[in-house]
Amino acid sequence: MKHLLRILFVLALFCGVTRHAHANDFHMGATDPNQCGPGDFSGCSIINANDTVTGFVFDMAACSNHAIDPAPAGSSCIALFNDSGETITSITLTIPDSVLDGLNPVCDTTPTFVGTTCSVVPGGIDTFVFTGIPGNPFGPDDTEDFYLLGIDPTIFDNNATIAVASTPEPDSLLLLSTGVMMAGLYLAKRRNLFAFGTK
């Protein structure tokens, strides 16, 4: 039984390490920085699903050029293209409070994201967090539109930041948890055998 546990532990560890290596290989092609433009800085390509987007500009024309869902009249828009190969589960927009000119922003909800946090810090950095809706994810090759209502779009260039985030792949989590469980069983068995031998 002792040898069987050792074999299972080594196999689980090997599978976890090799699967983790494959995941890293997959992400090797996704290490380029996220980028907007050239030419159209209201359209940004998400190459890395756990990085930030800067240098974008909200544009009124983008609401009709990129928009999937019609934005309200008077909006300025930005389009995010998910070229990361992963499902993006949250998007965080940070804007200097001085840029908003005393406006009280609202975190709106779309078919793909729900506004979960709308934090305004007078004189500081305002934070707006949008969390993905499981039934309609922001998956690979999808486009998501953000719109601003009643705000001069030109002030956002290099002043605001969008941070995107994804969750680990389910099969990687399963293999990692299996490896941890097997390691725990192996160590517990070793401790019990050692304790038995000292009595």
N, C-alpha and C. Protein backbone atom coordinates (compact mmCIF):
# COMPACT_ATOMS: atom_id res chain seq x y z
N MET A 1 0.84 -1.20 0.00
CA MET A 1 0.00 0.00 0.00
C MET A 1 0.87 1.25 0.00
N LYS A 2 1.99 1.16 0.74
CA LYS A 2 2.90 2.29 0.82
C LYS A 2 3.46 2.62 -0.56
N HIS A 3 3.83 1.57 -1.32
CA HIS A 3 4.39 1.79 -2.66
C HIS A 3 3.34 2.31 -3.63
N LEU A 4 2.10 1.84 -3.47
CA LEU A 4 1.02 2.31 -4.34
C LEU A 4 0.77 3.79 -4.15
N LEU A 5 0.78 4.25 -2.88
CA LEU A 5 0.60 5.68 -2.60
C LEU A 5 1.72 6.50 -3.21
N ARG A 6 2.93 5.98 -3.13
CA ARG A 6 4.07 6.70 -3.71
C ARG A 6 3.92 6.81 -5.23
N ILE A 7 3.51 5.73 -5.86
CA ILE A 7 3.33 5.74 -7.31
C ILE A 7 2.24 6.72 -7.72
N LEU A 8 1.10 6.69 -6.99
CA LEU A 8 0.01 7.61 -7.29
C LEU A 8 0.43 9.06 -7.09
N PHE A 9 1.20 9.30 -6.04
CA PHE A 9 1.68 10.66 -5.76
C PHE A 9 2.57 11.16 -6.89
N VAL A 10 3.49 10.31 -7.34
CA VAL A 10 4.40 10.70 -8.43
C VAL A 10 3.62 10.94 -9.72
N LEU A 11 2.65 10.07 -10.02
CA LEU A 11 1.85 10.25 -11.22
C LEU A 11 1.04 11.54 -11.18
N ALA A 12 0.41 11.82 -10.04
CA ALA A 12 -0.38 13.05 -9.91
C ALA A 12 0.50 14.28 -10.04
N LEU A 13 1.69 14.22 -9.43
CA LEU A 13 2.63 15.33 -9.51
C LEU A 13 3.10 15.53 -10.95
N PHE A 14 3.41 14.42 -11.64
CA PHE A 14 3.86 14.49 -13.03
C PHE A 14 2.78 15.09 -13.92
N CYS A 15 1.53 14.60 -13.75
CA CYS A 15 0.43 15.11 -14.58
C CYS A 15 0.19 16.59 -14.32
N GLY A 16 0.24 16.98 -13.05
CA GLY A 16 0.03 18.39 -12.71
C GLY A 16 1.10 19.28 -13.30
N VAL A 17 2.36 18.85 -13.23
CA VAL A 17 3.47 19.65 -13.73
C VAL A 17 3.43 19.74 -15.25
N THR A 18 3.18 18.60 -15.93
CA THR A 18 3.16 18.63 -17.39
C THR A 18 1.97 19.43 -17.89
N ARG A 19 0.82 19.32 -17.23
CA ARG A 19 -0.36 20.10 -17.66
C ARG A 19 -0.10 21.58 -17.45
N HIS A 20 0.56 21.91 -16.31
CA HIS A 20 0.88 23.30 -16.04
C HIS A 20 1.84 23.84 -17.09
N ALA A 21 2.78 23.00 -17.54
CA ALA A 21 3.72 23.42 -18.58
C ALA A 21 2.99 23.69 -19.89
N HIS A 22 2.01 22.83 -20.21
CA HIS A 22 1.25 23.06 -21.43
C HIS A 22 0.48 24.36 -21.35
N ALA A 23 -0.09 24.66 -20.17
CA ALA A 23 -0.83 25.91 -20.01
C ALA A 23 0.10 27.09 -20.22
N ASN A 24 1.31 27.00 -19.69
CA ASN A 24 2.26 28.09 -19.88
C ASN A 24 2.64 28.23 -21.35
N ASP A 25 2.81 27.09 -22.05
CA ASP A 25 3.13 27.15 -23.46
C ASP A 25 2.03 27.86 -24.23
N PHE A 26 0.78 27.58 -23.86
CA PHE A 26 -0.35 28.21 -24.52
C PHE A 26 -0.31 29.71 -24.34
N HIS A 27 0.09 30.14 -23.13
CA HIS A 27 0.11 31.57 -22.84
C HIS A 27 1.36 32.27 -23.38
N MET A 28 2.33 31.50 -23.83
CA MET A 28 3.54 32.12 -24.35
C MET A 28 3.22 33.06 -25.52
N GLY A 29 2.24 32.68 -26.32
CA GLY A 29 1.85 33.52 -27.45
C GLY A 29 0.98 34.68 -27.05
N ALA A 30 0.58 34.72 -25.79
CA ALA A 30 -0.32 35.78 -25.33
C ALA A 30 0.38 36.73 -24.37
N THR A 31 1.70 36.87 -24.52
CA THR A 31 2.43 37.74 -23.62
C THR A 31 2.61 39.15 -24.19
N ASP A 32 2.23 39.35 -25.45
CA ASP A 32 2.32 40.69 -26.00
C ASP A 32 1.36 41.62 -25.26
N PRO A 33 1.72 42.89 -25.13
CA PRO A 33 0.85 43.81 -24.40
C PRO A 33 -0.44 44.09 -25.16
N ASN A 34 -1.50 44.37 -24.39
CA ASN A 34 -2.75 44.78 -25.01
C ASN A 34 -2.53 46.11 -25.73
N GLN A 35 -3.21 46.30 -26.86
CA GLN A 35 -2.94 47.50 -27.64
C GLN A 35 -4.21 48.07 -28.26
N CYS A 36 -4.20 49.39 -28.43
CA CYS A 36 -5.29 50.11 -29.08
C CYS A 36 -4.76 50.75 -30.35
N GLY A 37 -5.59 50.77 -31.38
CA GLY A 37 -5.14 51.35 -32.65
C GLY A 37 -4.31 50.34 -33.43
N PRO A 38 -3.44 50.80 -34.33
CA PRO A 38 -3.22 52.20 -34.71
C PRO A 38 -4.35 52.74 -35.58
N GLY A 39 -4.45 54.03 -35.60
CA GLY A 39 -5.49 54.68 -36.39
C GLY A 39 -6.78 54.86 -35.63
N ASP A 40 -7.28 53.80 -35.03
CA ASP A 40 -8.54 53.87 -34.28
C ASP A 40 -8.26 53.50 -32.83
N PHE A 41 -8.05 54.48 -31.97
CA PHE A 41 -7.72 54.22 -30.58
C PHE A 41 -8.97 54.01 -29.71
N SER A 42 -10.12 53.89 -30.36
CA SER A 42 -11.33 53.49 -29.65
C SER A 42 -11.57 52.00 -29.80
N GLY A 43 -10.69 51.32 -30.52
CA GLY A 43 -10.75 49.87 -30.67
C GLY A 43 -9.49 49.25 -30.11
N CYS A 44 -9.62 48.41 -29.09
CA CYS A 44 -8.46 47.85 -28.39
C CYS A 44 -8.49 46.33 -28.41
N SER A 45 -7.36 45.73 -28.73
CA SER A 45 -7.24 44.28 -28.78
C SER A 45 -6.68 43.77 -27.46
N ILE A 46 -7.41 42.84 -26.82
CA ILE A 46 -6.96 42.21 -25.58
C ILE A 46 -6.15 40.98 -25.95
N ILE A 47 -4.82 41.09 -25.85
CA ILE A 47 -3.93 39.97 -26.16
C ILE A 47 -3.66 39.15 -24.91
N ASN A 48 -3.49 39.84 -23.79
CA ASN A 48 -3.22 39.21 -22.50
C ASN A 48 -4.43 39.39 -21.61
N ALA A 49 -5.06 38.29 -21.24
CA ALA A 49 -6.33 38.34 -20.50
C ALA A 49 -6.17 38.73 -19.03
N ASN A 50 -4.95 39.00 -18.59
CA ASN A 50 -4.73 39.42 -17.20
C ASN A 50 -3.78 40.61 -17.18
N ASP A 51 -4.10 41.61 -17.98
CA ASP A 51 -3.24 42.79 -18.07
C ASP A 51 -4.10 44.03 -18.21
N THR A 52 -3.45 45.17 -18.40
CA THR A 52 -4.17 46.44 -18.48
C THR A 52 -4.16 46.99 -19.90
N VAL A 53 -5.10 47.91 -20.14
CA VAL A 53 -5.21 48.60 -21.41
C VAL A 53 -5.06 50.09 -21.13
N THR A 54 -4.16 50.75 -21.81
CA THR A 54 -3.98 52.19 -21.67
C THR A 54 -3.88 52.81 -23.06
N GLY A 55 -3.91 54.13 -23.11
CA GLY A 55 -3.77 54.83 -24.39
C GLY A 55 -4.99 54.76 -25.27
N PHE A 56 -6.15 54.43 -24.70
CA PHE A 56 -7.37 54.37 -25.49
C PHE A 56 -8.11 55.70 -25.43
N VAL A 57 -9.02 55.90 -26.36
CA VAL A 57 -9.83 57.11 -26.41
C VAL A 57 -11.29 56.72 -26.64
N PHE A 58 -12.17 57.17 -25.76
CA PHE A 58 -13.60 56.99 -25.99
C PHE A 58 -14.01 57.93 -27.12
N ASP A 59 -14.78 57.42 -28.06
CA ASP A 59 -15.11 58.17 -29.26
C ASP A 59 -16.59 58.01 -29.58
N MET A 60 -17.23 59.11 -29.97
CA MET A 60 -18.65 59.03 -30.31
C MET A 60 -18.86 58.18 -31.56
N ALA A 61 -17.94 58.28 -32.52
CA ALA A 61 -18.09 57.51 -33.76
C ALA A 61 -17.99 56.01 -33.49
N ALA A 62 -17.23 55.64 -32.44
CA ALA A 62 -17.05 54.22 -32.13
C ALA A 62 -18.35 53.55 -31.72
N CYS A 63 -19.30 54.33 -31.23
CA CYS A 63 -20.58 53.76 -30.82
C CYS A 63 -21.31 53.15 -32.02
N SER A 64 -21.12 53.73 -33.18
CA SER A 64 -21.75 53.16 -34.37
C SER A 64 -20.80 52.25 -35.14
N ASN A 65 -19.48 52.51 -35.02
CA ASN A 65 -18.51 51.69 -35.75
C ASN A 65 -18.37 50.29 -35.18
N HIS A 66 -18.38 50.19 -33.83
CA HIS A 66 -18.10 48.91 -33.18
C HIS A 66 -19.28 48.34 -32.41
N ALA A 67 -20.22 49.18 -32.05
CA ALA A 67 -21.23 48.79 -31.06
C ALA A 67 -22.04 47.57 -31.49
N ILE A 68 -22.17 46.64 -30.54
CA ILE A 68 -23.04 45.48 -30.75
C ILE A 68 -24.45 45.84 -30.27
N ASP A 69 -24.52 46.43 -29.07
CA ASP A 69 -25.80 46.90 -28.53
C ASP A 69 -25.83 48.42 -28.66
N PRO A 70 -26.94 48.98 -29.13
CA PRO A 70 -27.01 50.43 -29.30
C PRO A 70 -26.74 51.16 -27.97
N ALA A 71 -25.81 52.11 -28.01
CA ALA A 71 -25.51 52.92 -26.83
C ALA A 71 -26.47 54.11 -26.78
N PRO A 72 -26.72 54.65 -25.59
CA PRO A 72 -27.62 55.81 -25.48
C PRO A 72 -27.10 56.99 -26.29
N ALA A 73 -28.01 57.86 -26.71
CA ALA A 73 -27.64 59.04 -27.48
C ALA A 73 -26.69 59.91 -26.65
N GLY A 74 -25.71 60.51 -27.31
CA GLY A 74 -24.75 61.36 -26.62
C GLY A 74 -23.63 60.58 -25.96
N SER A 75 -23.48 59.29 -26.29
CA SER A 75 -22.44 58.46 -25.67
C SER A 75 -21.14 58.54 -26.45
N SER A 76 -20.07 58.23 -25.74
CA SER A 76 -18.77 57.98 -26.36
C SER A 76 -18.41 56.54 -26.01
N CYS A 77 -17.82 55.82 -26.97
CA CYS A 77 -17.64 54.38 -26.79
C CYS A 77 -16.19 53.95 -27.00
N ILE A 78 -15.90 52.77 -26.49
CA ILE A 78 -14.65 52.07 -26.76
C ILE A 78 -15.00 50.60 -26.94
N ALA A 79 -14.34 49.95 -27.88
CA ALA A 79 -14.59 48.53 -28.14
C ALA A 79 -13.38 47.71 -27.71
N LEU A 80 -13.64 46.66 -26.94
CA LEU A 80 -12.59 45.74 -26.52
C LEU A 80 -12.78 44.43 -27.29
N PHE A 81 -11.74 44.00 -28.00
CA PHE A 81 -11.78 42.76 -28.78
C PHE A 81 -11.00 41.69 -28.02
N ASN A 82 -11.65 40.60 -27.67
CA ASN A 82 -11.01 39.55 -26.90
C ASN A 82 -10.22 38.63 -27.83
N ASP A 83 -8.92 38.94 -27.99
CA ASP A 83 -8.03 38.14 -28.82
C ASP A 83 -7.09 37.30 -27.96
N SER A 84 -7.46 37.07 -26.71
CA SER A 84 -6.58 36.37 -25.76
C SER A 84 -6.74 34.86 -25.81
N GLY A 85 -7.84 34.38 -26.37
CA GLY A 85 -8.11 32.94 -26.35
C GLY A 85 -8.69 32.46 -25.04
N GLU A 86 -8.98 33.38 -24.11
CA GLU A 86 -9.55 33.03 -22.81
C GLU A 86 -10.85 33.79 -22.58
N THR A 87 -11.60 33.35 -21.58
CA THR A 87 -12.81 34.06 -21.19
C THR A 87 -12.44 35.10 -20.15
N ILE A 88 -12.76 36.34 -20.43
CA ILE A 88 -12.48 37.44 -19.50
C ILE A 88 -13.66 37.55 -18.54
N THR A 89 -13.37 37.46 -17.24
CA THR A 89 -14.43 37.40 -16.24
C THR A 89 -14.65 38.71 -15.49
N SER A 90 -13.72 39.64 -15.60
CA SER A 90 -13.94 40.94 -14.95
C SER A 90 -13.17 42.03 -15.67
N ILE A 91 -13.72 43.22 -15.64
CA ILE A 91 -13.09 44.40 -16.23
C ILE A 91 -13.18 45.53 -15.22
N THR A 92 -12.05 46.18 -14.97
CA THR A 92 -12.00 47.28 -14.02
C THR A 92 -11.52 48.54 -14.74
N LEU A 93 -12.31 49.59 -14.67
CA LEU A 93 -11.96 50.87 -15.28
C LEU A 93 -11.60 51.85 -14.15
N THR A 94 -10.42 52.45 -14.23
CA THR A 94 -10.01 53.45 -13.25
C THR A 94 -9.82 54.79 -13.96
N ILE A 95 -10.39 55.83 -13.36
CA ILE A 95 -10.35 57.17 -13.95
C ILE A 95 -10.01 58.16 -12.84
N PRO A 96 -9.09 59.11 -13.09
CA PRO A 96 -8.86 60.17 -12.10
C PRO A 96 -10.16 60.94 -11.85
N ASP A 97 -10.46 61.17 -10.60
CA ASP A 97 -11.72 61.83 -10.25
C ASP A 97 -11.81 63.23 -10.87
N SER A 98 -10.67 63.89 -11.02
CA SER A 98 -10.67 65.24 -11.58
C SER A 98 -11.19 65.25 -13.01
N VAL A 99 -11.04 64.15 -13.71
CA VAL A 99 -11.48 64.03 -15.09
C VAL A 99 -13.01 64.07 -15.18
N LEU A 100 -13.68 63.56 -14.16
CA LEU A 100 -15.14 63.44 -14.22
C LEU A 100 -15.86 64.75 -13.95
N ASP A 101 -15.12 65.77 -13.53
CA ASP A 101 -15.70 67.10 -13.38
C ASP A 101 -16.91 67.13 -12.45
N GLY A 102 -16.86 66.36 -11.36
CA GLY A 102 -17.95 66.39 -10.39
C GLY A 102 -19.15 65.55 -10.76
N LEU A 103 -19.10 64.85 -11.89
CA LEU A 103 -20.22 63.99 -12.28
C LEU A 103 -20.29 62.77 -11.37
N ASN A 104 -21.48 62.26 -11.13
CA ASN A 104 -21.67 61.05 -10.34
C ASN A 104 -21.92 59.88 -11.29
N PRO A 105 -20.89 59.10 -11.60
CA PRO A 105 -21.06 58.01 -12.56
C PRO A 105 -21.88 56.86 -12.02
N VAL A 106 -22.46 56.10 -12.93
CA VAL A 106 -23.25 54.92 -12.59
C VAL A 106 -22.65 53.72 -13.31
N CYS A 107 -22.46 52.63 -12.59
CA CYS A 107 -21.98 51.39 -13.22
C CYS A 107 -23.17 50.69 -13.86
N ASP A 108 -23.27 50.78 -15.16
CA ASP A 108 -24.40 50.18 -15.86
C ASP A 108 -24.19 48.68 -16.02
N THR A 109 -25.24 47.98 -16.41
CA THR A 109 -25.19 46.54 -16.62
C THR A 109 -25.50 46.23 -18.08
N THR A 110 -24.71 45.33 -18.67
CA THR A 110 -24.92 44.92 -20.06
C THR A 110 -25.29 43.44 -20.08
N PRO A 111 -25.60 42.89 -21.24
CA PRO A 111 -25.89 41.44 -21.28
C PRO A 111 -24.70 40.58 -20.85
N THR A 112 -23.48 41.12 -20.94
CA THR A 112 -22.29 40.34 -20.62
C THR A 112 -21.70 40.66 -19.26
N PHE A 113 -21.84 41.91 -18.79
CA PHE A 113 -21.24 42.33 -17.53
C PHE A 113 -22.25 43.06 -16.66
N VAL A 114 -22.09 42.88 -15.35
CA VAL A 114 -22.90 43.61 -14.40
C VAL A 114 -21.96 44.51 -13.59
N GLY A 115 -22.36 45.78 -13.45
CA GLY A 115 -21.55 46.72 -12.66
C GLY A 115 -21.68 46.40 -11.19
N THR A 116 -20.60 45.93 -10.57
CA THR A 116 -20.65 45.49 -9.18
C THR A 116 -20.11 46.53 -8.20
N THR A 117 -19.18 47.38 -8.65
CA THR A 117 -18.60 48.39 -7.77
C THR A 117 -18.47 49.70 -8.54
N CYS A 118 -18.92 50.77 -7.92
CA CYS A 118 -18.84 52.10 -8.51
C CYS A 118 -18.29 53.01 -7.42
N SER A 119 -16.97 53.09 -7.31
CA SER A 119 -16.33 53.77 -6.19
C SER A 119 -15.75 55.11 -6.62
N VAL A 120 -16.31 56.20 -6.08
CA VAL A 120 -15.85 57.55 -6.40
C VAL A 120 -15.06 58.08 -5.22
N VAL A 121 -13.82 58.50 -5.48
CA VAL A 121 -12.93 59.03 -4.44
C VAL A 121 -12.61 60.48 -4.79
N PRO A 122 -13.24 61.45 -4.13
CA PRO A 122 -12.99 62.86 -4.46
C PRO A 122 -11.49 63.19 -4.43
N GLY A 123 -10.99 63.72 -5.54
CA GLY A 123 -9.58 64.08 -5.63
C GLY A 123 -8.65 62.91 -5.85
N GLY A 124 -9.19 61.70 -5.91
CA GLY A 124 -8.35 60.50 -6.08
C GLY A 124 -8.64 59.79 -7.38
N ILE A 125 -8.63 58.46 -7.30
CA ILE A 125 -8.88 57.61 -8.47
C ILE A 125 -10.22 56.91 -8.29
N ASP A 126 -11.11 57.09 -9.25
CA ASP A 126 -12.41 56.42 -9.21
C ASP A 126 -12.28 55.04 -9.87
N THR A 127 -12.95 54.07 -9.28
CA THR A 127 -12.84 52.68 -9.73
C THR A 127 -14.22 52.12 -10.07
N PHE A 128 -14.31 51.48 -11.22
CA PHE A 128 -15.57 50.89 -11.67
C PHE A 128 -15.30 49.44 -12.06
N VAL A 129 -15.92 48.52 -11.34
CA VAL A 129 -15.68 47.09 -11.55
C VAL A 129 -16.90 46.45 -12.20
N PHE A 130 -16.65 45.71 -13.26
CA PHE A 130 -17.71 44.99 -13.97
C PHE A 130 -17.38 43.50 -13.95
N THR A 131 -18.33 42.69 -13.50
CA THR A 131 -18.13 41.25 -13.37
C THR A 131 -18.94 40.52 -14.43
N GLY A 132 -18.32 39.51 -15.03
CA GLY A 132 -18.96 38.78 -16.12
C GLY A 132 -20.19 38.01 -15.69
N ILE A 133 -21.15 37.93 -16.59
CA ILE A 133 -22.37 37.14 -16.37
C ILE A 133 -22.13 35.75 -16.97
N PRO A 134 -22.21 34.69 -16.16
CA PRO A 134 -21.85 33.34 -16.64
C PRO A 134 -22.61 32.90 -17.88
N GLY A 135 -23.88 33.26 -17.98
CA GLY A 135 -24.68 32.79 -19.12
C GLY A 135 -24.30 33.42 -20.44
N ASN A 136 -23.55 34.52 -20.42
CA ASN A 136 -23.17 35.20 -21.66
C ASN A 136 -21.75 35.74 -21.50
N PRO A 137 -20.74 34.86 -21.48
CA PRO A 137 -19.38 35.27 -21.16
C PRO A 137 -18.73 36.12 -22.25
N PHE A 138 -17.68 36.87 -21.84
CA PHE A 138 -16.85 37.62 -22.78
C PHE A 138 -15.74 36.69 -23.21
N GLY A 139 -16.09 35.80 -24.15
CA GLY A 139 -15.18 34.73 -24.54
C GLY A 139 -14.27 35.10 -25.68
N PRO A 140 -13.43 34.15 -26.12
CA PRO A 140 -12.51 34.39 -27.23
C PRO A 140 -13.24 34.88 -28.48
N ASP A 141 -12.65 35.89 -29.13
CA ASP A 141 -13.14 36.48 -30.38
C ASP A 141 -14.42 37.30 -30.19
N ASP A 142 -14.86 37.50 -28.94
CA ASP A 142 -16.01 38.36 -28.69
C ASP A 142 -15.58 39.82 -28.61
N THR A 143 -16.54 40.71 -28.77
CA THR A 143 -16.31 42.15 -28.64
C THR A 143 -17.22 42.69 -27.54
N GLU A 144 -16.66 43.52 -26.69
CA GLU A 144 -17.45 44.14 -25.63
C GLU A 144 -17.30 45.65 -25.75
N ASP A 145 -18.43 46.35 -25.64
CA ASP A 145 -18.42 47.80 -25.78
C ASP A 145 -18.65 48.48 -24.43
N PHE A 146 -17.88 49.53 -24.19
CA PHE A 146 -18.09 50.39 -23.02
C PHE A 146 -18.55 51.74 -23.53
N TYR A 147 -19.48 52.34 -22.82
CA TYR A 147 -19.90 53.67 -23.24
C TYR A 147 -19.92 54.61 -22.04
N LEU A 148 -19.67 55.87 -22.34
CA LEU A 148 -19.72 56.94 -21.35
C LEU A 148 -20.77 57.94 -21.82
N LEU A 149 -21.58 58.40 -20.90
CA LEU A 149 -22.66 59.30 -21.25
C LEU A 149 -22.39 60.66 -20.62
N GLY A 150 -22.31 61.70 -21.47
CA GLY A 150 -22.17 63.06 -20.97
C GLY A 150 -20.78 63.43 -20.50
N ILE A 151 -19.74 62.74 -20.99
CA ILE A 151 -18.37 63.06 -20.59
C ILE A 151 -17.54 63.31 -21.85
N ASP A 152 -16.71 64.37 -21.81
CA ASP A 152 -15.83 64.69 -22.93
C ASP A 152 -14.85 63.55 -23.14
N PRO A 153 -14.90 62.85 -24.27
CA PRO A 153 -14.06 61.65 -24.44
C PRO A 153 -12.58 61.94 -24.58
N THR A 154 -12.19 63.12 -25.03
CA THR A 154 -10.78 63.38 -25.34
C THR A 154 -9.90 63.37 -24.10
N ILE A 155 -10.48 63.52 -22.91
CA ILE A 155 -9.68 63.60 -21.69
C ILE A 155 -9.25 62.22 -21.18
N PHE A 156 -9.67 61.16 -21.84
CA PHE A 156 -9.35 59.83 -21.32
C PHE A 156 -8.05 59.27 -21.86
N ASP A 157 -7.50 59.86 -22.89
CA ASP A 157 -6.27 59.34 -23.47
C ASP A 157 -5.13 59.39 -22.44
N ASN A 158 -4.61 58.20 -22.08
CA ASN A 158 -3.50 58.05 -21.13
C ASN A 158 -3.82 58.49 -19.70
N ASN A 159 -5.08 58.82 -19.42
CA ASN A 159 -5.47 59.16 -18.06
C ASN A 159 -6.22 58.02 -17.38
N ALA A 160 -6.86 57.20 -18.16
CA ALA A 160 -7.67 56.10 -17.61
C ALA A 160 -7.01 54.77 -17.94
N THR A 161 -7.34 53.77 -17.14
CA THR A 161 -6.79 52.43 -17.33
C THR A 161 -7.90 51.40 -17.23
N ILE A 162 -7.86 50.44 -18.11
CA ILE A 162 -8.77 49.30 -18.03
C ILE A 162 -7.95 48.07 -17.70
N ALA A 163 -8.31 47.37 -16.64
CA ALA A 163 -7.65 46.12 -16.26
C ALA A 163 -8.62 44.97 -16.52
N VAL A 164 -8.16 43.98 -17.26
CA VAL A 164 -8.99 42.80 -17.53
C VAL A 164 -8.43 41.62 -16.75
N ALA A 165 -9.29 40.66 -16.44
CA ALA A 165 -8.85 39.48 -15.69
C ALA A 165 -9.65 38.27 -16.14
N SER A 166 -9.00 37.11 -16.12
CA SER A 166 -9.66 35.85 -16.44
C SER A 166 -9.48 34.91 -15.26
N THR A 167 -10.19 33.79 -15.30
CA THR A 167 -10.04 32.77 -14.27
C THR A 167 -9.25 31.61 -14.85
N PRO A 168 -8.53 30.85 -14.01
CA PRO A 168 -7.77 29.70 -14.52
C PRO A 168 -8.69 28.68 -15.18
N GLU A 169 -8.11 27.92 -16.10
CA GLU A 169 -8.88 26.89 -16.79
C GLU A 169 -9.32 25.82 -15.81
N PRO A 170 -10.58 25.34 -15.91
CA PRO A 170 -11.10 24.35 -14.95
C PRO A 170 -10.28 23.08 -14.88
N ASP A 171 -9.77 22.60 -16.03
CA ASP A 171 -9.01 21.35 -15.99
C ASP A 171 -7.68 21.54 -15.26
N SER A 172 -7.08 22.72 -15.36
CA SER A 172 -5.84 22.99 -14.62
C SER A 172 -6.11 22.98 -13.12
N LEU A 173 -7.24 23.60 -12.73
CA LEU A 173 -7.60 23.62 -11.30
C LEU A 173 -7.86 22.21 -10.80
N LEU A 174 -8.52 21.40 -11.61
CA LEU A 174 -8.83 20.03 -11.21
C LEU A 174 -7.56 19.22 -11.01
N LEU A 175 -6.62 19.33 -11.95
CA LEU A 175 -5.36 18.59 -11.83
C LEU A 175 -4.54 19.08 -10.64
N LEU A 176 -4.53 20.40 -10.43
CA LEU A 176 -3.78 20.94 -9.30
C LEU A 176 -4.37 20.45 -7.99
N SER A 177 -5.69 20.48 -7.86
CA SER A 177 -6.32 20.03 -6.61
C SER A 177 -6.12 18.53 -6.40
N THR A 178 -6.12 17.75 -7.50
CA THR A 178 -5.86 16.31 -7.39
C THR A 178 -4.45 16.07 -6.89
N GLY A 179 -3.48 16.80 -7.44
CA GLY A 179 -2.10 16.67 -7.00
C GLY A 179 -1.92 17.03 -5.54
N VAL A 180 -2.57 18.11 -5.11
CA VAL A 180 -2.48 18.53 -3.70
C VAL A 180 -3.11 17.48 -2.79
N MET A 181 -4.26 16.94 -3.21
CA MET A 181 -4.93 15.92 -2.41
C MET A 181 -4.07 14.67 -2.27
N MET A 182 -3.45 14.24 -3.38
CA MET A 182 -2.60 13.06 -3.33
C MET A 182 -1.37 13.30 -2.46
N ALA A 183 -0.83 14.50 -2.55
CA ALA A 183 0.33 14.83 -1.71
C ALA A 183 -0.07 14.80 -0.23
N GLY A 184 -1.25 15.34 0.07
CA GLY A 184 -1.73 15.32 1.45
C GLY A 184 -1.94 13.91 1.97
N LEU A 185 -2.55 13.04 1.14
CA LEU A 185 -2.76 11.65 1.54
C LEU A 185 -1.43 10.93 1.76
N TYR A 186 -0.49 11.20 0.87
CA TYR A 186 0.82 10.55 0.98
C TYR A 186 1.53 10.97 2.26
N LEU A 187 1.53 12.28 2.53
CA LEU A 187 2.21 12.77 3.74
C LEU A 187 1.50 12.29 5.01
N ALA A 188 0.17 12.25 4.98
CA ALA A 188 -0.58 11.77 6.15
C ALA A 188 -0.28 10.29 6.40
N LYS A 189 -0.21 9.52 5.34
CA LYS A 189 0.09 8.09 5.48
C LYS A 189 1.50 7.89 6.03
N ARG A 190 2.44 8.67 5.53
CA ARG A 190 3.82 8.57 6.02
C ARG A 190 3.89 8.88 7.51
N ARG A 191 3.16 9.93 7.93
CA ARG A 191 3.18 10.32 9.34
C ARG A 191 2.57 9.23 10.21
N ASN A 192 1.48 8.63 9.71
CA ASN A 192 0.84 7.55 10.48
C ASN A 192 1.77 6.34 10.59
N LEU A 193 2.44 5.99 9.50
CA LEU A 193 3.36 4.87 9.53
C LEU A 193 4.54 5.14 10.48
N PHE A 194 5.03 6.38 10.46
CA PHE A 194 6.14 6.75 11.32
C PHE A 194 5.71 6.71 12.80
N ALA A 195 4.51 7.22 13.07
CA ALA A 195 3.98 7.23 14.44
C ALA A 195 3.78 5.80 14.92
N PHE A 196 3.30 4.92 14.03
CA PHE A 196 3.07 3.53 14.42
C PHE A 196 4.42 2.85 14.74
N GLY A 197 5.44 3.18 13.97
CA GLY A 197 6.72 2.52 14.18
C GLY A 197 7.41 2.95 15.44
N THR A 198 7.04 4.09 16.03
CA THR A 198 7.73 4.58 17.23
C THR A 198 7.04 4.11 18.51
N LYS A 199 5.86 3.54 18.38
CA LYS A 199 5.15 3.10 19.59
C LYS A 199 5.71 1.82 20.13
